[in-house]
PDB file of N, CA and C in Angstrom:
ATOM      1  N   MET A   1    -117.654 -14.994 -46.302  1.00  0.00           N
ATOM      2  CA  MET A   1    -116.987 -14.140 -47.225  1.00  0.00           C
ATOM      3  C   MET A   1    -117.839 -13.958 -48.363  1.00  0.00           C
ATOM      4  N   PHE A   2    -118.168 -12.104 -48.514  1.00  0.00           N
ATOM      5  CA  PHE A   2    -118.882 -10.963 -49.695  1.00  0.00           C
ATOM      6  C   PHE A   2    -118.410 -11.397 -51.297  1.00  0.00           C
ATOM      7  N   ASN A   3    -118.929 -12.247 -51.940  1.00  0.00           N
ATOM      8  CA  ASN A   3    -118.620 -13.646 -53.278  1.00  0.00           C
ATOM      9  C   ASN A   3    -119.252 -12.720 -54.102  1.00  0.00           C
ATOM     10  N   LEU A   4    -119.380 -12.052 -55.402  1.00  0.00           N
ATOM     11  CA  LEU A   4    -121.092 -11.669 -55.711  1.00  0.00           C
ATOM     12  C   LEU A   4    -120.377 -13.219 -57.297  1.00  0.00           C
ATOM     13  N   PHE A   5    -120.234 -12.812 -57.234  1.00  0.00           N
ATOM     14  CA  PHE A   5    -119.102 -14.056 -58.563  1.00  0.00           C
ATOM     15  C   PHE A   5    -119.426 -16.183 -57.857  1.00  0.00           C
ATOM     16  N   THR A   6    -119.440 -15.572 -56.467  1.00  0.00           N
ATOM     17  CA  THR A   6    -119.896 -17.250 -56.229  1.00  0.00           C
ATOM     18  C   THR A   6    -121.024 -17.907 -55.339  1.00  0.00           C
ATOM     19  N   ASN A   7    -121.836 -16.505 -54.709  1.00  0.00           N
ATOM     20  CA  ASN A   7    -122.746 -16.373 -54.463  1.00  0.00           C
ATOM     21  C   ASN A   7    -124.047 -15.658 -54.973  1.00  0.00           C
ATOM     22  N   LYS A   8    -125.356 -15.901 -54.217  1.00  0.00           N
ATOM     23  CA  LYS A   8    -126.876 -14.774 -54.812  1.00  0.00           C
ATOM     24  C   LYS A   8    -126.967 -14.788 -54.113  1.00  0.00           C
ATOM     25  N   TYR A   9    -127.600 -12.983 -53.569  1.00  0.00           N
ATOM     26  CA  TYR A   9    -127.402 -12.534 -52.412  1.00  0.00           C
ATOM     27  C   TYR A   9    -128.822 -12.333 -51.961  1.00  0.00           C
ATOM     28  N   ASP A  10    -130.092 -11.928 -51.503  1.00  0.00           N
ATOM     29  CA  ASP A  10    -131.351 -11.095 -51.717  1.00  0.00           C
ATOM     30  C   ASP A  10    -130.941  -9.569 -51.369  1.00  0.00           C
ATOM     31  N   ARG A  11    -132.409  -9.154 -51.351  1.00  0.00           N
ATOM     32  CA  ARG A  11    -132.249  -7.758 -51.686  1.00  0.00           C
ATOM     33  C   ARG A  11    -131.782  -7.246 -50.422  1.00  0.00           C
ATOM     34  N   GLN A  12    -132.203  -7.438 -49.586  1.00  0.00           N
ATOM     35  CA  GLN A  12    -131.448  -6.904 -47.846  1.00  0.00           C
ATOM     36  C   GLN A  12    -129.784  -6.807 -47.711  1.00  0.00           C
ATOM     37  N   THR A  13    -129.370  -8.312 -48.512  1.00  0.00           N
ATOM     38  CA  THR A  13    -128.226  -8.342 -48.436  1.00  0.00           C
ATOM     39  C   THR A  13    -127.757  -7.280 -49.095  1.00  0.00           C
ATOM     40  N   LEU A  14    -127.338  -7.391 -50.665  1.00  0.00           N
ATOM     41  CA  LEU A  14    -126.926  -6.450 -51.753  1.00  0.00           C
ATOM     42  C   LEU A  14    -127.223  -4.836 -50.994  1.00  0.00           C
ATOM     43  N   LYS A  15    -128.246  -4.723 -50.715  1.00  0.00           N
ATOM     44  CA  LYS A  15    -128.644  -3.039 -50.230  1.00  0.00           C
ATOM     45  C   LYS A  15    -127.689  -3.209 -49.169  1.00  0.00           C
ATOM     46  N   ASP A  16    -127.582  -3.549 -48.103  1.00  0.00           N
ATOM     47  CA  ASP A  16    -126.613  -3.421 -47.156  1.00  0.00           C
ATOM     48  C   ASP A  16    -125.115  -3.080 -47.409  1.00  0.00           C
ATOM     49  N   ASN A  17    -124.824  -3.882 -48.479  1.00  0.00           N
ATOM     50  CA  ASN A  17    -123.749  -4.272 -48.957  1.00  0.00           C
ATOM     51  C   ASN A  17    -123.309  -3.101 -49.918  1.00  0.00           C
ATOM     52  N   ILE A  18    -124.015  -2.419 -51.044  1.00  0.00           N
ATOM     53  CA  ILE A  18    -124.410  -1.199 -51.782  1.00  0.00           C
ATOM     54  C   ILE A  18    -122.857  -0.587 -52.152  1.00  0.00           C
ATOM     55  N   TYR A  19    -122.226  -0.185 -51.103  1.00  0.00           N
ATOM     56  CA  TYR A  19    -121.045   0.989 -51.163  1.00  0.00           C
ATOM     57  C   TYR A  19    -119.476  -0.432 -51.116  1.00  0.00           C
ATOM     58  N   ASN A  20    -120.292  -1.380 -51.346  1.00  0.00           N
ATOM     59  CA  ASN A  20    -118.860  -2.389 -51.344  1.00  0.00           C
ATOM     60  C   ASN A  20    -118.735  -3.134 -52.384  1.00  0.00           C
ATOM     61  N   VAL A  21    -119.676  -3.222 -53.276  1.00  0.00           N
ATOM     62  CA  VAL A  21    -119.549  -4.128 -54.711  1.00  0.00           C
ATOM     63  C   VAL A  21    -119.818  -2.578 -55.765  1.00  0.00           C
ATOM     64  N   ASP A  22    -119.178  -4.319 -56.969  1.00  0.00           N
ATOM     65  CA  ASP A  22    -118.703  -3.407 -58.715  1.00  0.00           C
ATOM     66  C   ASP A  22    -120.133  -3.426 -59.024  1.00  0.00           C
ATOM     67  N   PHE A  23    -121.331  -2.352 -58.968  1.00  0.00           N
ATOM     68  CA  PHE A  23    -122.487  -2.137 -60.348  1.00  0.00           C
ATOM     69  C   PHE A  23    -122.888  -3.234 -61.213  1.00  0.00           C
ATOM     70  N   TYR A  24    -121.350  -3.247 -61.643  1.00  0.00           N
ATOM     71  CA  TYR A  24    -121.180  -4.208 -63.049  1.00  0.00           C
ATOM     72  C   TYR A  24    -120.897  -5.486 -62.487  1.00  0.00           C
ATOM     73  N   ASP A  25    -120.485  -5.836 -61.536  1.00  0.00           N
ATOM     74  CA  ASP A  25    -119.871  -7.071 -61.440  1.00  0.00           C
ATOM     75  C   ASP A  25    -122.401  -7.684 -60.776  1.00  0.00           C
ATOM     76  N   LEU A  26    -122.176  -6.696 -59.747  1.00  0.00           N
ATOM     77  CA  LEU A  26    -123.532  -7.278 -59.296  1.00  0.00           C
ATOM     78  C   LEU A  26    -124.622  -7.083 -60.454  1.00  0.00           C
ATOM     79  N   LEU A  27    -125.246  -6.691 -61.731  1.00  0.00           N
ATOM     80  CA  LEU A  27    -125.598  -6.563 -62.665  1.00  0.00           C
ATOM     81  C   LEU A  27    -125.121  -7.603 -63.240  1.00  0.00           C
ATOM     82  N   LYS A  28    -124.311  -7.780 -63.415  1.00  0.00           N
ATOM     83  CA  LYS A  28    -123.495  -9.401 -64.369  1.00  0.00           C
ATOM     84  C   LYS A  28    -123.524 -10.817 -63.404  1.00  0.00           C
ATOM     85  N   THR A  29    -124.002 -10.675 -61.693  1.00  0.00           N
ATOM     86  CA  THR A  29    -124.244 -12.090 -62.136  1.00  0.00           C
ATOM     87  C   THR A  29    -126.022 -12.347 -60.788  1.00  0.00           C
ATOM     88  N   GLN A  30    -126.350 -11.204 -60.016  1.00  0.00           N
ATOM     89  CA  GLN A  30    -127.562 -11.442 -59.368  1.00  0.00           C
ATOM     90  C   GLN A  30    -128.513 -11.083 -59.888  1.00  0.00           C
ATOM     91  N   VAL A  31    -129.507 -10.974 -59.334  1.00  0.00           N
ATOM     92  CA  VAL A  31    -130.812 -11.045 -59.819  1.00  0.00           C
ATOM     93  C   VAL A  31    -131.144 -10.339 -58.597  1.00  0.00           C
ATOM     94  N   ILE A  32    -131.412  -8.830 -59.381  1.00  0.00           N
ATOM     95  CA  ILE A  32    -132.274  -7.736 -58.507  1.00  0.00           C
ATOM     96  C   ILE A  32    -134.138  -7.383 -59.635  1.00  0.00           C
ATOM     97  N   ASP A  33    -134.514  -6.138 -59.103  1.00  0.00           N
ATOM     98  CA  ASP A  33    -135.860  -6.277 -59.638  1.00  0.00           C
ATOM     99  C   ASP A  33    -135.400  -4.455 -59.797  1.00  0.00           C
ATOM    100  N   ALA A  34    -136.651  -4.145 -60.883  1.00  0.00           N
ATOM    101  CA  ALA A  34    -136.586  -2.718 -61.311  1.00  0.00           C
ATOM    102  C   ALA A  34    -136.318  -1.288 -60.504  1.00  0.00           C
ATOM    103  N   THR A  35    -137.053  -1.451 -59.039  1.00  0.00           N
ATOM    104  CA  THR A  35    -136.910  -1.203 -57.573  1.00  0.00           C
ATOM    105  C   THR A  35    -135.703  -0.874 -57.065  1.00  0.00           C
ATOM    106  N   PHE A  36    -135.265  -1.872 -57.613  1.00  0.00           N
ATOM    107  CA  PHE A  36    -133.398  -1.757 -56.728  1.00  0.00           C
ATOM    108  C   PHE A  36    -132.918  -1.496 -57.761  1.00  0.00           C
ATOM    109  N   ALA A  37    -133.217  -1.409 -59.218  1.00  0.00           N
ATOM    110  CA  ALA A  37    -132.217  -0.963 -59.758  1.00  0.00           C
ATOM    111  C   ALA A  37    -131.932   0.574 -59.756  1.00  0.00           C
ATOM    112  N   VAL A  38    -133.094   1.307 -59.570  1.00  0.00           N
ATOM    113  CA  VAL A  38    -133.653   2.309 -59.843  1.00  0.00           C
ATOM    114  C   VAL A  38    -133.374   2.870 -58.498  1.00  0.00           C
ATOM    115  N   ARG A  39    -134.000   2.450 -57.584  1.00  0.00           N
ATOM    116  CA  ARG A  39    -132.908   3.420 -55.429  1.00  0.00           C
ATOM    117  C   ARG A  39    -131.359   3.027 -55.818  1.00  0.00           C
ATOM    118  N   TYR A  40    -131.000   2.279 -56.505  1.00  0.00           N
ATOM    119  CA  TYR A  40    -129.645   1.851 -55.932  1.00  0.00           C
ATOM    120  C   TYR A  40    -128.490   1.380 -57.460  1.00  0.00           C
ATOM    121  N   ILE A  41    -128.926   0.930 -58.437  1.00  0.00           N
ATOM    122  CA  ILE A  41    -127.829   1.521 -59.296  1.00  0.00           C
ATOM    123  C   ILE A  41    -127.816   2.544 -59.749  1.00  0.00           C
ATOM    124  N   LEU A  42    -128.924   3.386 -60.616  1.00  0.00           N
ATOM    125  CA  LEU A  42    -128.904   4.536 -61.320  1.00  0.00           C
ATOM    126  C   LEU A  42    -129.522   5.445 -60.384  1.00  0.00           C
ATOM    127  N   ASN A  43    -129.281   5.651 -59.197  1.00  0.00           N
ATOM    128  CA  ASN A  43    -128.764   6.787 -58.160  1.00  0.00           C
ATOM    129  C   ASN A  43    -127.855   6.996 -57.719  1.00  0.00           C
ATOM    130  N   LYS A  44    -127.775   8.564 -58.270  1.00  0.00           N
ATOM    131  CA  LYS A  44    -126.340   8.421 -58.587  1.00  0.00           C
ATOM    132  C   LYS A  44    -125.901   9.276 -57.996  1.00  0.00           C
ATOM    133  N   LYS A  45    -126.135   9.001 -55.988  1.00  0.00           N
ATOM    134  CA  LYS A  45    -125.698   9.397 -54.744  1.00  0.00           C
ATOM    135  C   LYS A  45    -124.935   7.981 -54.706  1.00  0.00           C
ATOM    136  N   TYR A  46    -125.502   6.847 -55.255  1.00  0.00           N
ATOM    137  CA  TYR A  46    -124.276   5.868 -54.472  1.00  0.00           C
ATOM    138  C   TYR A  46    -122.804   5.393 -55.920  1.00  0.00           C
ATOM    139  N   ASP A  47    -122.843   6.538 -56.531  1.00  0.00           N
ATOM    140  CA  ASP A  47    -121.951   6.461 -57.382  1.00  0.00           C
ATOM    141  C   ASP A  47    -120.704   7.720 -56.667  1.00  0.00           C
ATOM    142  N   LEU A  48    -120.005   6.954 -56.411  1.00  0.00           N
ATOM    143  CA  LEU A  48    -118.775   7.917 -55.560  1.00  0.00           C
ATOM    144  C   LEU A  48    -117.839   9.135 -56.152  1.00  0.00           C
ATOM    145  N   ASP A  49    -117.646   8.400 -57.411  1.00  0.00           N
ATOM    146  CA  ASP A  49    -116.770   8.492 -58.415  1.00  0.00           C
ATOM    147  C   ASP A  49    -116.986   7.642 -59.149  1.00  0.00           C
ATOM    148  N   ASN A  50    -118.050   8.622 -59.787  1.00  0.00           N
ATOM    149  CA  ASN A  50    -119.082   8.660 -60.731  1.00  0.00           C
ATOM    150  C   ASN A  50    -118.843   7.184 -62.915  1.00  0.00           C
ATOM    151  N   LYS A  51    -117.873   6.628 -61.246  1.00  0.00           N
ATOM    152  CA  LYS A  51    -117.788   5.314 -62.244  1.00  0.00           C
ATOM    153  C   LYS A  51    -118.596   3.963 -62.594  1.00  0.00           C
ATOM    154  N   TYR A  52    -120.377   4.902 -62.538  1.00  0.00           N
ATOM    155  CA  TYR A  52    -120.779   4.109 -62.775  1.00  0.00           C
ATOM    156  C   TYR A  52    -121.854   5.489 -64.040  1.00  0.00           C
ATOM    157  N   GLU A  53    -121.730   5.935 -64.678  1.00  0.00           N
ATOM    158  CA  GLU A  53    -122.106   6.929 -64.901  1.00  0.00           C
ATOM    159  C   GLU A  53    -122.733   6.350 -66.298  1.00  0.00           C
ATOM    160  N   LEU A  54    -122.209   5.300 -66.991  1.00  0.00           N
ATOM    161  CA  LEU A  54    -122.397   4.557 -68.602  1.00  0.00           C
ATOM    162  C   LEU A  54    -123.350   3.267 -68.088  1.00  0.00           C
ATOM    163  N   ILE A  55    -123.968   3.493 -66.483  1.00  0.00           N
ATOM    164  CA  ILE A  55    -125.263   2.409 -66.078  1.00  0.00           C
ATOM    165  C   ILE A  55    -126.223   2.973 -66.380  1.00  0.00           C
ATOM    166  N   THR A  56    -126.907   2.709 -67.665  1.00  0.00           N
ATOM    167  CA  THR A  56    -128.245   3.480 -68.049  1.00  0.00           C
ATOM    168  C   THR A  56    -129.286   2.202 -68.229  1.00  0.00           C
ATOM    169  N   PRO A  57    -130.870   3.076 -68.230  1.00  0.00           N
ATOM    170  CA  PRO A  57    -132.120   2.029 -67.924  1.00  0.00           C
ATOM    171  C   PRO A  57    -131.257   0.565 -68.794  1.00  0.00           C
ATOM    172  N   GLU A  58    -131.462   1.053 -70.357  1.00  0.00           N
ATOM    173  CA  GLU A  58    -131.662   0.447 -71.357  1.00  0.00           C
ATOM    174  C   GLU A  58    -130.429  -0.912 -70.633  1.00  0.00           C
ATOM    175  N   LEU A  59    -129.063  -0.724 -70.251  1.00  0.00           N
ATOM    176  CA  LEU A  59    -127.832  -2.255 -69.960  1.00  0.00           C
ATOM    177  C   LEU A  59    -128.571  -2.679 -68.774  1.00  0.00           C
ATOM    178  N   ILE A  60    -129.086  -2.234 -67.998  1.00  0.00           N
ATOM    179  CA  ILE A  60    -130.157  -2.633 -66.592  1.00  0.00           C
ATOM    180  C   ILE A  60    -130.714  -4.184 -67.373  1.00  0.00           C
ATOM    181  N   VAL A  61    -131.588  -3.811 -68.728  1.00  0.00           N
ATOM    182  CA  VAL A  61    -132.589  -4.680 -68.926  1.00  0.00           C
ATOM    183  C   VAL A  61    -131.515  -5.518 -69.611  1.00  0.00           C
ATOM    184  N   LYS A  62    -130.489  -4.999 -70.643  1.00  0.00           N
ATOM    185  CA  LYS A  62    -129.831  -5.800 -71.274  1.00  0.00           C
ATOM    186  C   LYS A  62    -128.823  -7.784 -70.083  1.00  0.00           C
ATOM    187  N   LEU A  63    -128.100  -6.589 -70.143  1.00  0.00           N
ATOM    188  CA  LEU A  63    -127.948  -7.268 -68.643  1.00  0.00           C
ATOM    189  C   LEU A  63    -128.678  -8.583 -67.136  1.00  0.00           C
ATOM    190  N   GLN A  64    -129.811  -7.401 -66.177  1.00  0.00           N
ATOM    191  CA  GLN A  64    -131.710  -7.929 -66.073  1.00  0.00           C
ATOM    192  C   GLN A  64    -133.217  -8.113 -67.381  1.00  0.00           C
ATOM    193  N   PRO A  65    -132.412  -9.316 -67.940  1.00  0.00           N
ATOM    194  CA  PRO A  65    -133.656 -10.091 -69.201  1.00  0.00           C
ATOM    195  C   PRO A  65    -134.824 -10.180 -68.591  1.00  0.00           C
ATOM    196  N   HIS A  66    -134.864  -9.923 -67.601  1.00  0.00           N
ATOM    197  CA  HIS A  66    -136.495 -10.082 -66.545  1.00  0.00           C
ATOM    198  C   HIS A  66    -137.008  -8.801 -66.043  1.00  0.00           C
ATOM    199  N   ILE A  67    -136.301  -7.801 -66.515  1.00  0.00           N
ATOM    200  CA  ILE A  67    -136.578  -6.277 -66.400  1.00  0.00           C
ATOM    201  C   ILE A  67    -136.948  -5.992 -67.523  1.00  0.00           C
ATOM    202  N   LYS A  68    -138.532  -5.309 -67.580  1.00  0.00           N
ATOM    203  CA  LYS A  68    -139.068  -4.329 -68.997  1.00  0.00           C
ATOM    204  C   LYS A  68    -138.540  -2.541 -68.148  1.00  0.00           C
ATOM    205  N   ILE A  69    -138.148  -2.457 -69.432  1.00  0.00           N
ATOM    206  CA  ILE A  69    -137.642  -1.181 -70.025  1.00  0.00           C
ATOM    207  C   ILE A  69    -139.339  -0.382 -69.432  1.00  0.00           C
ATOM    208  N   ASP A  70    -140.109  -0.780 -69.224  1.00  0.00           N
ATOM    209  CA  ASP A  70    -141.425  -0.132 -69.128  1.00  0.00           C
ATOM    210  C   ASP A  70    -141.278   0.201 -67.917  1.00  0.00           C
ATOM    211  N   ASP A  71    -140.707  -1.073 -66.626  1.00  0.00           N
ATOM    212  CA  ASP A  71    -140.910  -1.646 -65.528  1.00  0.00           C
ATOM    213  C   ASP A  71    -140.279  -0.372 -64.974  1.00  0.00           C
ATOM    214  N   LEU A  72    -138.884  -0.478 -65.369  1.00  0.00           N
ATOM    215  CA  LEU A  72    -137.794   0.688 -65.169  1.00  0.00           C
ATOM    216  C   LEU A  72    -138.303   2.566 -65.710  1.00  0.00           C
ATOM    217  N   ARG A  73    -139.101   2.858 -66.152  1.00  0.00           N
ATOM    218  CA  ARG A  73    -139.244   3.878 -66.539  1.00  0.00           C
ATOM    219  C   ARG A  73    -140.116   3.731 -65.698  1.00  0.00           C
ATOM    220  N   ASP A  74    -142.053   3.198 -65.816  1.00  0.00           N
ATOM    221  CA  ASP A  74    -142.127   3.430 -63.745  1.00  0.00           C
ATOM    222  C   ASP A  74    -141.553   3.874 -63.029  1.00  0.00           C
ATOM    223  N   GLU A  75    -140.767   2.739 -62.789  1.00  0.00           N
ATOM    224  CA  GLU A  75    -140.146   3.050 -61.239  1.00  0.00           C
ATOM    225  C   GLU A  75    -139.656   4.206 -61.081  1.00  0.00           C
ATOM    226  N   ILE A  76    -139.609   4.867 -62.200  1.00  0.00           N
ATOM    227  CA  ILE A  76    -137.776   6.132 -62.409  1.00  0.00           C
ATOM    228  C   ILE A  76    -139.686   7.485 -62.078  1.00  0.00           C
ATOM    229  N   LEU A  77    -140.017   6.947 -62.429  1.00  0.00           N
ATOM    230  CA  LEU A  77    -141.390   8.048 -62.596  1.00  0.00           C
ATOM    231  C   LEU A  77    -141.980   8.311 -61.549  1.00  0.00           C
ATOM    232  N   ASN A  78    -142.099   7.070 -60.282  1.00  0.00           N
ATOM    233  CA  ASN A  78    -142.854   6.907 -59.513  1.00  0.00           C
ATOM    234  C   ASN A  78    -141.897   6.603 -57.432  1.00  0.00           C
ATOM    235  N   TYR A  79    -140.330   7.204 -57.944  1.00  0.00           N
ATOM    236  CA  TYR A  79    -139.536   7.313 -56.953  1.00  0.00           C
ATOM    237  C   TYR A  79    -139.736   8.571 -55.611  1.00  0.00           C
ATOM    238  N   GLU A  80    -139.210   8.018 -55.307  1.00  0.00           N
ATOM    239  CA  GLU A  80    -139.242   8.571 -53.801  1.00  0.00           C
ATOM    240  C   GLU A  80    -138.198   8.816 -52.778  1.00  0.00           C
ATOM    241  N   SER A  81    -137.386   9.682 -52.688  1.00  0.00           N
ATOM    242  CA  SER A  81    -135.652   9.434 -52.026  1.00  0.00           C
ATOM    243  C   SER A  81    -135.678   8.991 -51.045  1.00  0.00           C
ATOM    244  N   ASP A  82    -136.630   9.070 -49.714  1.00  0.00           N
ATOM    245  CA  ASP A  82    -137.230   8.494 -48.604  1.00  0.00           C
ATOM    246  C   ASP A  82    -137.615   7.176 -48.667  1.00  0.00           C
ATOM    247  N   ASP A  83    -137.861   6.572 -49.242  1.00  0.00           N
ATOM    248  CA  ASP A  83    -138.412   5.911 -49.802  1.00  0.00           C
ATOM    249  C   ASP A  83    -137.964   3.917 -48.875  1.00  0.00           C
ATOM    250  N   ASP A  84    -136.701   4.176 -50.020  1.00  0.00           N
ATOM    251  CA  ASP A  84    -135.871   2.866 -49.288  1.00  0.00           C
ATOM    252  C   ASP A  84    -134.458   3.199 -49.105  1.00  0.00           C
ATOM    253  N   SER A  85    -134.331   4.455 -47.799  1.00  0.00           N
ATOM    254  CA  SER A  85    -133.160   5.024 -48.069  1.00  0.00           C
ATOM    255  C   SER A  85    -131.844   4.585 -47.397  1.00  0.00           C
ATOM    256  N   ILE A  86    -130.551   4.759 -47.586  1.00  0.00           N
ATOM    257  CA  ILE A  86    -129.361   3.314 -46.246  1.00  0.00           C
ATOM    258  C   ILE A  86    -128.727   4.869 -45.833  1.00  0.00           C
ATOM    259  N   THR A  87    -128.165   4.564 -44.588  1.00  0.00           N
ATOM    260  CA  THR A  87    -127.073   4.870 -44.346  1.00  0.00           C
ATOM    261  C   THR A  87    -126.328   5.290 -45.321  1.00  0.00           C
ATOM    262  N   ASP A  88    -125.464   6.765 -45.138  1.00  0.00           N
ATOM    263  CA  ASP A  88    -124.371   7.785 -46.262  1.00  0.00           C
ATOM    264  C   ASP A  88    -123.112   6.428 -46.132  1.00  0.00           C
ATOM    265  N   PHE A  89    -123.195   7.105 -47.187  1.00  0.00           N
ATOM    266  CA  PHE A  89    -121.334   7.149 -47.345  1.00  0.00           C
ATOM    267  C   PHE A  89    -120.338   6.688 -46.081  1.00  0.00           C
ATOM    268  N   ASP A  90    -120.595   8.092 -45.849  1.00  0.00           N
ATOM    269  CA  ASP A  90    -119.782   8.356 -44.434  1.00  0.00           C
ATOM    270  C   ASP A  90    -119.564   7.745 -43.176  1.00  0.00           C
ATOM    271  N   THR A  91    -120.638   7.842 -42.999  1.00  0.00           N
ATOM    272  CA  THR A  91    -121.488   6.963 -41.849  1.00  0.00           C
ATOM    273  C   THR A  91    -120.963   5.355 -42.319  1.00  0.00           C
ATOM    274  N   VAL A  92    -121.532   5.096 -43.065  1.00  0.00           N
ATOM    275  CA  VAL A  92    -121.109   3.101 -43.275  1.00  0.00           C
ATOM    276  C   VAL A  92    -119.581   3.129 -43.068  1.00  0.00           C
ATOM    277  N   SER A  93    -118.111   4.058 -44.000  1.00  0.00           N
ATOM    278  CA  SER A  93    -117.112   4.239 -43.981  1.00  0.00           C
ATOM    279  C   SER A  93    -116.289   4.335 -42.017  1.00  0.00           C
ATOM    280  N   LYS A  94    -116.762   4.909 -41.340  1.00  0.00           N
ATOM    281  CA  LYS A  94    -116.979   5.097 -40.455  1.00  0.00           C
ATOM    282  C   LYS A  94    -116.818   3.871 -38.590  1.00  0.00           C
ATOM    283  N   ARG A  95    -117.544   2.977 -39.541  1.00  0.00           N
ATOM    284  CA  ARG A  95    -118.053   1.296 -39.193  1.00  0.00           C
ATOM    285  C   ARG A  95    -116.970   1.000 -39.019  1.00  0.00           C
ATOM    286  N   VAL A  96    -117.007   0.262 -37.845  1.00  0.00           N
ATOM    287  CA  VAL A  96    -115.628  -0.931 -37.232  1.00  0.00           C
ATOM    288  C   VAL A  96    -116.716  -1.846 -37.687  1.00  0.00           C
ATOM    289  N   SER A  97    -115.461  -2.869 -37.778  1.00  0.00           N
ATOM    290  CA  SER A  97    -115.412  -4.070 -38.112  1.00  0.00           C
ATOM    291  C   SER A  97    -115.658  -5.277 -36.627  1.00  0.00           C
TER     292      SER A  97
END
């Protein structure tokens, strides 16, 4: 079973489950890199109900102290939305488990 509090997950598993996780819990329990933070956590297209609008680069650095603010800024400046895209929520929600 997918549980952020009892297991550590690799980048691909977190990416595959991006619509199934609470970003605050993910930031508190998992180790991510600056690229993941920019592409998924700070990317508003994965914030379906504006629940995560208070997540800022500063909060990410606070909860993920191995990430430096300059690294986040560099990733934001160099981000290409097609670099690591995933299936949209509508498609994911219609999958049969």
